[in-house]
Structures are given as structure tokens and as C-alpha cells.
Amino acid sequence: MLKNLQLDNVLFLDIETVPMVHDYSNLPDDWKSLWEKKAARIKKEDETIDESFNRAGIYAEFGKIVCISVGIIKSSGKHKTLRLKSFYGDDEKILLFEFNEMLERYFDGDQYFLCAHNGKEFDFPYIARRTLINGLSLPNILDLAGKKPWEVRHLDTLELWKFGDYKHYTPLNLLTKVFDIPSPKDDIDGSDVARVYYEEQDLERIAVYCQKDVLAVVQLLLRYKGEGLISEDNIEISDK
């Protein structure tokens, strides 16, 4: 499949999420009760309820998306360029509306794919759930209801690396190291996103971090296909 995959038809993406509020104390009482029930199943032994809420952003019911970065490859013979763009902001509904509008306009067809690392377990369902929570319609490429497995146009670089082995999770930064993919130095990682969002209010910094993950996914899929990497000179950042 990968050998014949047309890279121009793949939308690479990554999302950044945060808890719905800064910390547990900011939750309304009814939401506190709901989180306590969730935390009872997921919190570590030495964690308090307050501390466990730091991870609320990974659950679509208790978090929100603050950034979706995407990448599109344009090929001309062996020459490839990558165009990156980010949808980010405090208003999740606007962010999702603009992202989903792009999907409906440019990626509504059987030839198109979405690609992310751990996308099938996290990014794709998270976007779909938050889309419905915000009262928006699901784009066709995210709507899986009634579709047969071969009709789902989702690629996952984590799943591809497993080769049918479901026993372990391989993080993106480990695979970039294994495949000798240059990794730009980051001043933050995933655990810092909520702090940067709520305390520093620096969405641009989060968007830059998110774009770097998209670039890593692009380069990893190219390695899977046995193709050369995209050079830094052939990467464009779009603000449109």
C-alpha cells in the first residue's frame, strides 16, 4: 500500500490539547464529581485528584483542542515541498469549524488520507468528538459510521510500525531517532502545553511545537516508503 501511496493526497496532522480549565479547583461542582469518577480509574497511586487533572486534556470529555497543525506534500518528479499550516486559538469551535471546512473543501474523496502518529487512537477520534461536542457536523473523512475497515482513509505511523504487534507503544521521538531523522530542538514538549497555554498564553509557541511534530510524521512516512527526506529549504509555513 505505502509503495503506491500518492503523498500529494495525504493530509498530515497533529493536535495539541489542554484540560477544559486551568486546574481542578476551577471546575464547577458537577464537573468535579464527574472527574472524580474518572480519576478513580486512571490516577496513579501517589496522585491526588487535583494532580490527576493535569492529564485531563487527553480525554475529549474533559479537554479541548487549542491547535491543529497540518502538512501537505507537493511533488514534482523527485522534488518535494512541504507546506505547513496551523489552526489555533482560544475558541475551539471556530478552530474546528475552519479545520473541518478545509477537510470538506479539499479532502472529500476516496483518494485522500489523513495521517498522524497514534492518530487512530488519539488525534482522529479526539477531533471527531470535539466536533460533535461543539455542535458541528463531521466531515466525511472523519465520519466512520457504517464504513467498512477498508473504506476508512486513515493512516497511522504508529500502527504501521507495529506490523500487527499490539503489545507496545513506540513514541514519535524514538522512531525519528531510529530512522536518523533530524529533530529540531524544542523548548517545550507535550507535558508543557497546558502550562504554556494557561500561564504564558503563548499559542504561537504551541503552534510551532505542533508543526514540528507534523514535520516529524511526514519524514517518518517518507522513511517507511524508502524515500528521501524533505530538506529545511523546501518547507513553507502558511498563514492562510
Protein backbone atom coordinates (compact mmCIF):
# COMPACT_ATOMS: atom_id res chain seq x y z
CA MET A 1 0.00 0.00 0.00
CA LEU A 2 2.68 2.50 1.00
CA LYS A 3 4.62 1.85 -2.19
CA ASN A 4 1.69 3.06 -4.29
CA LEU A 5 0.53 5.79 -1.91
CA GLN A 6 0.29 9.20 -3.58
CA LEU A 7 1.77 11.55 -0.99
CA ASP A 8 0.04 14.56 -2.54
CA ASN A 9 -3.26 13.02 -1.39
CA VAL A 10 -2.25 12.77 2.28
CA LEU A 11 -3.01 15.40 4.89
CA PHE A 12 -0.55 15.02 7.78
CA LEU A 13 -1.71 16.40 11.11
CA ASP A 14 -1.10 16.70 14.83
CA ILE A 15 -3.20 18.22 17.60
CA GLU A 16 -2.41 19.88 20.91
CA THR A 17 -4.96 19.64 23.72
CA VAL A 18 -5.33 21.07 27.22
CA PRO A 19 -7.70 20.49 30.15
CA MET A 20 -11.00 22.39 29.83
CA VAL A 21 -9.94 24.70 32.69
CA HIS A 22 -6.58 25.58 34.21
CA ASP A 23 -6.85 23.28 37.21
CA TYR A 24 -9.23 21.10 39.17
CA SER A 25 -10.25 23.94 41.53
CA ASN A 26 -11.70 25.88 38.57
CA LEU A 27 -14.15 23.11 37.69
CA PRO A 28 -17.85 23.60 38.53
CA ASP A 29 -19.03 21.20 41.23
CA ASP A 30 -20.91 18.91 38.86
CA TRP A 31 -17.81 18.56 36.68
CA LYS A 32 -15.66 17.91 39.77
CA SER A 33 -17.87 14.97 40.60
CA LEU A 34 -17.53 13.60 37.06
CA TRP A 35 -13.76 13.97 37.10
CA GLU A 36 -13.50 12.26 40.49
CA LYS A 37 -15.20 9.19 38.99
CA LYS A 38 -12.84 9.28 36.02
CA ALA A 39 -9.77 9.82 38.20
CA ALA A 40 -10.69 6.85 40.39
CA ARG A 41 -9.95 4.64 37.38
CA ILE A 42 -6.90 6.39 35.92
CA LYS A 43 -4.97 8.19 38.62
CA LYS A 44 -1.65 6.90 39.89
CA GLU A 45 -1.33 5.58 43.42
CA ASP A 46 0.51 8.59 44.77
CA GLU A 47 -1.57 11.20 42.93
CA THR A 48 -4.24 13.46 44.36
CA ILE A 49 -7.41 14.26 42.42
CA ASP A 50 -6.01 17.75 41.76
CA GLU A 51 -2.76 16.37 40.36
CA SER A 52 -4.52 13.85 38.16
CA PHE A 53 -6.43 16.67 36.46
CA ASN A 54 -3.18 17.73 34.80
CA ARG A 55 -3.83 14.86 32.37
CA ALA A 56 -7.45 15.78 31.70
CA GLY A 57 -6.51 17.25 28.32
CA ILE A 58 -6.02 13.80 26.79
CA TYR A 59 -9.71 13.00 27.29
CA ALA A 60 -12.12 14.66 24.85
CA GLU A 61 -14.83 14.90 27.52
CA PHE A 62 -12.61 16.92 29.86
CA GLY A 63 -10.28 18.72 27.46
CA LYS A 64 -10.24 20.90 24.38
CA ILE A 65 -8.14 21.39 21.27
CA VAL A 66 -6.04 24.56 21.12
CA CYS A 67 -4.08 23.77 17.95
CA ILE A 68 -4.32 21.57 14.87
CA SER A 69 -1.29 21.71 12.59
CA VAL A 70 -1.39 20.18 9.12
CA GLY A 71 1.10 19.46 6.37
CA ILE A 72 0.68 18.85 2.65
CA ILE A 73 3.37 17.50 0.33
CA LYS A 74 3.61 18.80 -3.22
CA SER A 75 5.68 16.67 -5.58
CA SER A 76 7.30 17.49 -8.89
CA GLY A 77 9.24 14.46 -10.04
CA LYS A 78 11.67 13.65 -7.23
CA HIS A 79 11.43 17.18 -5.83
CA LYS A 80 9.12 17.56 -2.83
CA THR A 81 8.00 20.59 -0.86
CA LEU A 82 6.05 20.60 2.38
CA ARG A 83 3.52 23.27 3.27
CA LEU A 84 2.61 23.60 6.95
CA LYS A 85 -0.34 25.46 8.42
CA SER A 86 -1.82 25.71 11.91
CA PHE A 87 -5.35 26.32 13.12
CA TYR A 88 -5.14 27.61 16.67
CA GLY A 89 -6.96 29.84 19.12
CA ASP A 90 -8.91 30.08 22.35
CA ASP A 91 -12.25 29.48 20.64
CA GLU A 92 -12.26 25.77 19.89
CA LYS A 93 -15.48 25.93 17.88
CA ILE A 94 -14.01 28.44 15.42
CA LEU A 95 -10.78 26.43 15.18
CA LEU A 96 -12.69 23.22 14.42
CA PHE A 97 -15.06 24.89 12.00
CA GLU A 98 -12.17 26.25 9.94
CA PHE A 99 -10.28 22.94 10.02
CA ASN A 100 -13.34 20.87 9.11
CA GLU A 101 -14.28 23.31 6.36
CA MET A 102 -10.84 22.72 4.84
CA LEU A 103 -11.38 18.94 5.02
CA GLU A 104 -14.75 19.19 3.28
CA ARG A 105 -13.42 21.50 0.60
CA TYR A 106 -10.10 19.87 -0.26
CA PHE A 107 -10.10 16.32 1.17
CA ASP A 108 -13.55 14.94 0.40
CA GLY A 109 -12.90 11.97 -1.84
CA ASP A 110 -11.83 8.33 -1.75
CA GLN A 111 -8.32 9.19 -2.90
CA TYR A 112 -7.50 11.25 0.21
CA PHE A 113 -5.98 10.13 3.51
CA LEU A 114 -5.34 11.61 6.94
CA CYS A 115 -2.05 10.66 8.62
CA ALA A 116 -0.85 11.11 12.21
CA HIS A 117 1.24 9.26 14.79
CA ASN A 118 -1.16 7.37 17.06
CA GLY A 119 -3.86 9.14 15.07
CA LYS A 120 -6.33 6.27 15.19
CA GLU A 121 -6.22 6.15 18.98
CA PHE A 122 -5.95 9.86 19.68
CA ASP A 123 -5.97 12.63 17.06
CA PHE A 124 -8.75 11.45 14.74
CA PRO A 125 -11.31 10.40 17.40
CA TYR A 126 -10.47 13.43 19.55
CA ILE A 127 -11.19 15.83 16.68
CA ALA A 128 -14.40 13.96 15.86
CA ARG A 129 -15.63 14.00 19.46
CA ARG A 130 -14.86 17.67 19.99
CA THR A 131 -16.53 18.47 16.67
CA LEU A 132 -19.78 16.90 17.87
CA ILE A 133 -19.49 18.45 21.35
CA ASN A 134 -19.24 21.86 19.67
CA GLY A 135 -22.39 21.20 17.65
CA LEU A 136 -20.61 20.94 14.30
CA SER A 137 -21.05 18.42 11.50
CA LEU A 138 -18.45 15.73 10.96
CA PRO A 139 -16.53 15.91 7.67
CA ASN A 140 -16.91 12.74 5.64
CA ILE A 141 -13.28 11.69 6.13
CA LEU A 142 -13.77 11.69 9.93
CA ASP A 143 -17.23 10.10 9.94
CA LEU A 144 -16.67 6.35 10.37
CA ALA A 145 -20.29 5.31 10.99
CA GLY A 146 -21.27 2.46 8.71
CA LYS A 147 -17.92 2.36 6.92
CA LYS A 148 -16.06 -0.88 6.28
CA PRO A 149 -12.44 -1.00 7.52
CA TRP A 150 -11.04 -0.58 4.00
CA GLU A 151 -13.21 2.49 3.49
CA VAL A 152 -11.59 4.36 6.39
CA ARG A 153 -8.97 6.67 4.91
CA HIS A 154 -6.76 7.00 7.99
CA LEU A 155 -3.03 6.29 8.16
CA ASP A 156 -1.22 5.91 11.47
CA THR A 157 2.58 5.84 11.57
CA LEU A 158 2.44 4.11 14.97
CA GLU A 159 0.14 1.35 13.68
CA LEU A 160 2.25 0.91 10.55
CA TRP A 161 5.35 0.41 12.71
CA LYS A 162 3.65 -2.27 14.79
CA PHE A 163 3.26 -4.66 11.82
CA GLY A 164 0.39 -6.34 13.64
CA ASP A 165 2.10 -6.33 17.06
CA TYR A 166 -0.21 -4.64 19.57
CA LYS A 167 1.91 -5.06 22.70
CA HIS A 168 3.74 -1.78 22.85
CA TYR A 169 3.66 1.92 22.11
CA THR A 170 6.56 3.48 20.22
CA PRO A 171 6.78 7.27 20.64
CA LEU A 172 7.43 9.52 17.67
CA ASN A 173 10.73 10.87 19.02
CA LEU A 174 12.10 7.33 19.38
CA LEU A 175 11.24 6.50 15.77
CA THR A 176 12.81 9.70 14.47
CA LYS A 177 15.98 8.71 16.33
CA VAL A 178 15.87 5.13 14.98
CA PHE A 179 15.44 6.38 11.41
CA ASP A 180 18.04 9.14 11.79
CA ILE A 181 15.52 11.91 11.13
CA PRO A 182 16.84 15.32 12.19
CA SER A 183 14.79 16.59 15.11
CA PRO A 184 14.67 20.36 15.63
CA LYS A 185 15.45 21.32 19.20
CA ASP A 186 12.22 22.04 21.06
CA ASP A 187 11.93 24.37 24.01
CA ILE A 188 8.77 22.53 25.17
CA ASP A 189 7.31 19.05 25.00
CA GLY A 190 3.78 17.69 25.28
CA SER A 191 3.71 17.93 29.07
CA ASP A 192 4.36 21.68 28.86
CA VAL A 193 1.48 22.58 26.53
CA ALA A 194 -1.17 23.19 29.22
CA ARG A 195 1.22 25.38 31.22
CA VAL A 196 2.25 27.39 28.16
CA TYR A 197 -1.41 27.84 27.23
CA TYR A 198 -2.85 28.80 30.61
CA GLU A 199 0.09 30.51 32.30
CA GLU A 200 2.04 32.03 29.41
CA GLN A 201 -0.88 32.35 26.98
CA ASP A 202 1.52 31.70 24.13
CA LEU A 203 -0.46 29.96 21.40
CA GLU A 204 2.13 30.76 18.73
CA ARG A 205 4.73 28.80 20.68
CA ILE A 206 2.36 25.84 20.88
CA ALA A 207 1.67 26.06 17.14
CA VAL A 208 5.40 25.96 16.34
CA TYR A 209 5.80 22.88 18.54
CA CYS A 210 2.80 21.23 16.87
CA GLN A 211 4.15 21.93 13.38
CA LYS A 212 7.43 20.23 14.30
CA ASP A 213 5.52 17.06 15.16
CA VAL A 214 3.74 17.19 11.80
CA LEU A 215 7.11 17.52 10.07
CA ALA A 216 8.39 14.50 12.03
CA VAL A 217 5.39 12.41 10.92
CA VAL A 218 5.97 13.44 7.29
CA GLN A 219 9.64 12.49 7.43
CA LEU A 220 8.84 9.19 9.15
CA LEU A 221 6.36 8.15 6.47
CA LEU A 222 8.93 9.03 3.82
CA ARG A 223 11.41 6.72 5.59
CA TYR A 224 8.77 3.98 5.63
CA LYS A 225 8.43 4.41 1.87
CA GLY A 226 12.21 4.35 1.39
CA GLU A 227 12.24 7.90 0.05
CA GLY A 228 14.48 10.86 0.81
CA LEU A 229 13.61 13.40 3.46
CA ILE A 230 12.32 16.88 2.76
CA SER A 231 15.02 19.46 3.33
CA GLU A 232 14.51 22.51 5.50
CA ASP A 233 14.76 24.73 2.41
CA ASN A 234 11.67 23.05 0.98
CA ILE A 235 9.38 23.70 3.94
CA GLU A 236 6.88 26.55 3.79
CA ILE A 237 4.79 27.91 6.67
CA SER A 238 1.41 29.24 5.55
CA ASP A 239 -0.65 31.82 7.42
CA LYS A 240 -3.60 31.46 5.03
